[in-house]
Amino acid sequence: MEDVERVVPQEPITPVVGLPDVGTLPEGFATFDYPNVWFAGDKVYLTYHRSWVEVDEDAGEAVTLGERKEKARKPREMVLRIYPLAEFYR
């Protein structure tokens, strides 16, 4: 590919929407979002949020992604990974 300063988006731009009923999620299912990358010297710092779905014991059902019930829990954590820059050039 040639070097470019900007990637022109393809038209039309449309959102991606998940269907509300995706069935049973596998054990350990998680989502990853909001990635950020920083470079300092010969290190690459990568951060992102990891979320997973927990069962809402009061409702007796799994909390679906994006659902915002008062008692529902969708735990989230920020992850920091540090890699040597050379790792990206192997």
C-alpha atoms as a PDB file:
ATOM      1  CA  MET A   1       0.000   0.000   0.000  1.00  0.00           C
ATOM      2  CA  GLU A   2       1.175   3.508  -0.604  1.00  0.00           C
ATOM      3  CA  ASP A   3       1.740   5.958   2.259  1.00  0.00           C
ATOM      4  CA  VAL A   4      -1.201   8.316   2.754  1.00  0.00           C
ATOM      5  CA  GLU A   5      -1.940  11.056   5.269  1.00  0.00           C
ATOM      6  CA  ARG A   6      -5.650  10.250   5.469  1.00  0.00           C
ATOM      7  CA  VAL A   7      -7.840   7.268   4.632  1.00  0.00           C
ATOM      8  CA  VAL A   8     -10.970   8.431   2.822  1.00  0.00           C
ATOM      9  CA  PRO A   9     -14.052   6.702   4.286  1.00  0.00           C
ATOM     10  CA  GLN A  10     -16.200   4.605   2.035  1.00  0.00           C
ATOM     11  CA  GLU A  11     -19.729   5.875   1.580  1.00  0.00           C
ATOM     12  CA  PRO A  12     -22.263   5.433   2.973  1.00  0.00           C
ATOM     13  CA  ILE A  13     -21.009   5.189   6.551  1.00  0.00           C
ATOM     14  CA  THR A  14     -23.431   3.125   8.629  1.00  0.00           C
ATOM     15  CA  PRO A  15     -23.352   2.000  12.248  1.00  0.00           C
ATOM     16  CA  VAL A  16     -22.966  -1.638  13.210  1.00  0.00           C
ATOM     17  CA  VAL A  17     -25.767  -2.730  15.539  1.00  0.00           C
ATOM     18  CA  GLY A  18     -25.938  -6.028  17.394  1.00  0.00           C
ATOM     19  CA  LEU A  19     -29.240  -7.822  17.611  1.00  0.00           C
ATOM     20  CA  PRO A  20     -30.738  -7.915  21.125  1.00  0.00           C
ATOM     21  CA  ASP A  21     -31.032 -11.722  21.237  1.00  0.00           C
ATOM     22  CA  VAL A  22     -27.657 -13.274  20.493  1.00  0.00           C
ATOM     23  CA  GLY A  23     -28.362 -16.538  22.318  1.00  0.00           C
ATOM     24  CA  THR A  24     -26.163 -18.015  25.007  1.00  0.00           C
ATOM     25  CA  LEU A  25     -22.782 -16.349  25.309  1.00  0.00           C
ATOM     26  CA  PRO A  26     -19.762 -18.634  25.798  1.00  0.00           C
ATOM     27  CA  GLU A  27     -18.055 -18.835  29.192  1.00  0.00           C
ATOM     28  CA  GLY A  28     -15.539 -16.008  29.578  1.00  0.00           C
ATOM     29  CA  PHE A  29     -17.103 -13.891  26.800  1.00  0.00           C
ATOM     30  CA  ALA A  30     -15.770 -10.326  26.904  1.00  0.00           C
ATOM     31  CA  THR A  31     -15.792  -7.172  24.819  1.00  0.00           C
ATOM     32  CA  PHE A  32     -12.805  -4.924  24.198  1.00  0.00           C
ATOM     33  CA  ASP A  33     -13.102  -1.235  23.363  1.00  0.00           C
ATOM     34  CA  TYR A  34     -11.539   2.233  23.475  1.00  0.00           C
ATOM     35  CA  PRO A  35      -7.994   1.197  22.502  1.00  0.00           C
ATOM     36  CA  ASN A  36      -5.209   3.765  22.836  1.00  0.00           C
ATOM     37  CA  VAL A  37      -1.567   3.453  21.789  1.00  0.00           C
ATOM     38  CA  TRP A  38       1.416   5.496  22.988  1.00  0.00           C
ATOM     39  CA  PHE A  39       5.044   5.262  21.929  1.00  0.00           C
ATOM     40  CA  ALA A  40       7.906   6.165  24.283  1.00  0.00           C
ATOM     41  CA  GLY A  41      11.446   5.258  23.363  1.00  0.00           C
ATOM     42  CA  ASP A  42      11.531   1.605  22.383  1.00  0.00           C
ATOM     43  CA  LYS A  43       8.273   0.759  24.192  1.00  0.00           C
ATOM     44  CA  VAL A  44       4.657   0.648  22.988  1.00  0.00           C
ATOM     45  CA  TYR A  45       1.939   1.228  25.601  1.00  0.00           C
ATOM     46  CA  LEU A  46      -1.478  -0.164  24.700  1.00  0.00           C
ATOM     47  CA  THR A  47      -4.539   0.460  26.881  1.00  0.00           C
ATOM     48  CA  TYR A  48      -8.100  -0.722  26.366  1.00  0.00           C
ATOM     49  CA  HIS A  49     -11.267  -1.473  28.318  1.00  0.00           C
ATOM     50  CA  ARG A  50     -12.344  -5.076  28.836  1.00  0.00           C
ATOM     51  CA  SER A  51     -15.964  -5.804  29.855  1.00  0.00           C
ATOM     52  CA  TRP A  52     -17.781  -9.043  30.460  1.00  0.00           C
ATOM     53  CA  VAL A  53     -21.328 -10.111  31.147  1.00  0.00           C
ATOM     54  CA  GLU A  54     -22.488 -11.300  34.564  1.00  0.00           C
ATOM     55  CA  VAL A  55     -25.728 -12.936  35.557  1.00  0.00           C
ATOM     56  CA  ASP A  56     -28.259 -10.633  37.208  1.00  0.00           C
ATOM     57  CA  GLU A  57     -29.164 -12.852  40.176  1.00  0.00           C
ATOM     58  CA  ASP A  58     -32.317 -10.824  40.968  1.00  0.00           C
ATOM     59  CA  ALA A  59     -33.677 -11.211  37.443  1.00  0.00           C
ATOM     60  CA  GLY A  60     -32.291 -14.734  36.941  1.00  0.00           C
ATOM     61  CA  GLU A  61     -30.900 -13.864  33.520  1.00  0.00           C
ATOM     62  CA  ALA A  62     -27.683 -12.743  31.923  1.00  0.00           C
ATOM     63  CA  VAL A  63     -27.202  -9.041  31.416  1.00  0.00           C
ATOM     64  CA  THR A  64     -27.134  -8.371  27.685  1.00  0.00           C
ATOM     65  CA  LEU A  65     -24.460  -6.173  26.177  1.00  0.00           C
ATOM     66  CA  GLY A  66     -25.383  -2.512  26.294  1.00  0.00           C
ATOM     67  CA  GLU A  67     -28.196  -3.111  28.782  1.00  0.00           C
ATOM     68  CA  ARG A  68     -28.331  -0.594  31.622  1.00  0.00           C
ATOM     69  CA  LYS A  69     -30.514  -2.007  34.396  1.00  0.00           C
ATOM     70  CA  GLU A  70     -30.259  -0.475  37.826  1.00  0.00           C
ATOM     71  CA  LYS A  71     -29.156  -3.747  39.451  1.00  0.00           C
ATOM     72  CA  ALA A  72     -27.398  -5.216  36.416  1.00  0.00           C
ATOM     73  CA  ARG A  73     -23.625  -5.497  36.437  1.00  0.00           C
ATOM     74  CA  LYS A  74     -21.347  -5.336  33.470  1.00  0.00           C
ATOM     75  CA  PRO A  75     -17.929  -5.169  35.135  1.00  0.00           C
ATOM     76  CA  ARG A  76     -15.257  -3.271  33.285  1.00  0.00           C
ATOM     77  CA  GLU A  77     -11.539  -2.881  33.716  1.00  0.00           C
ATOM     78  CA  MET A  78      -8.807  -0.925  32.003  1.00  0.00           C
ATOM     79  CA  VAL A  79      -5.933  -3.049  30.733  1.00  0.00           C
ATOM     80  CA  LEU A  80      -2.386  -1.790  30.144  1.00  0.00           C
ATOM     81  CA  ARG A  81      -0.057  -3.862  27.959  1.00  0.00           C
ATOM     82  CA  ILE A  82       3.568  -2.865  27.316  1.00  0.00           C
ATOM     83  CA  TYR A  83       5.409  -4.260  24.318  1.00  0.00           C
ATOM     84  CA  PRO A  84       8.874  -3.659  22.905  1.00  0.00           C
ATOM     85  CA  LEU A  85       8.610  -1.653  19.674  1.00  0.00           C
ATOM     86  CA  ALA A  86      10.608  -4.351  17.868  1.00  0.00           C
ATOM     87  CA  GLU A  87       7.700  -6.773  18.486  1.00  0.00           C
ATOM     88  CA  PHE A  88       5.753  -4.955  15.740  1.00  0.00           C
ATOM     89  CA  TYR A  89       8.506  -5.373  13.168  1.00  0.00           C
ATOM     90  CA  ARG A  90       9.114  -9.129  13.297  1.00  0.00           C
END
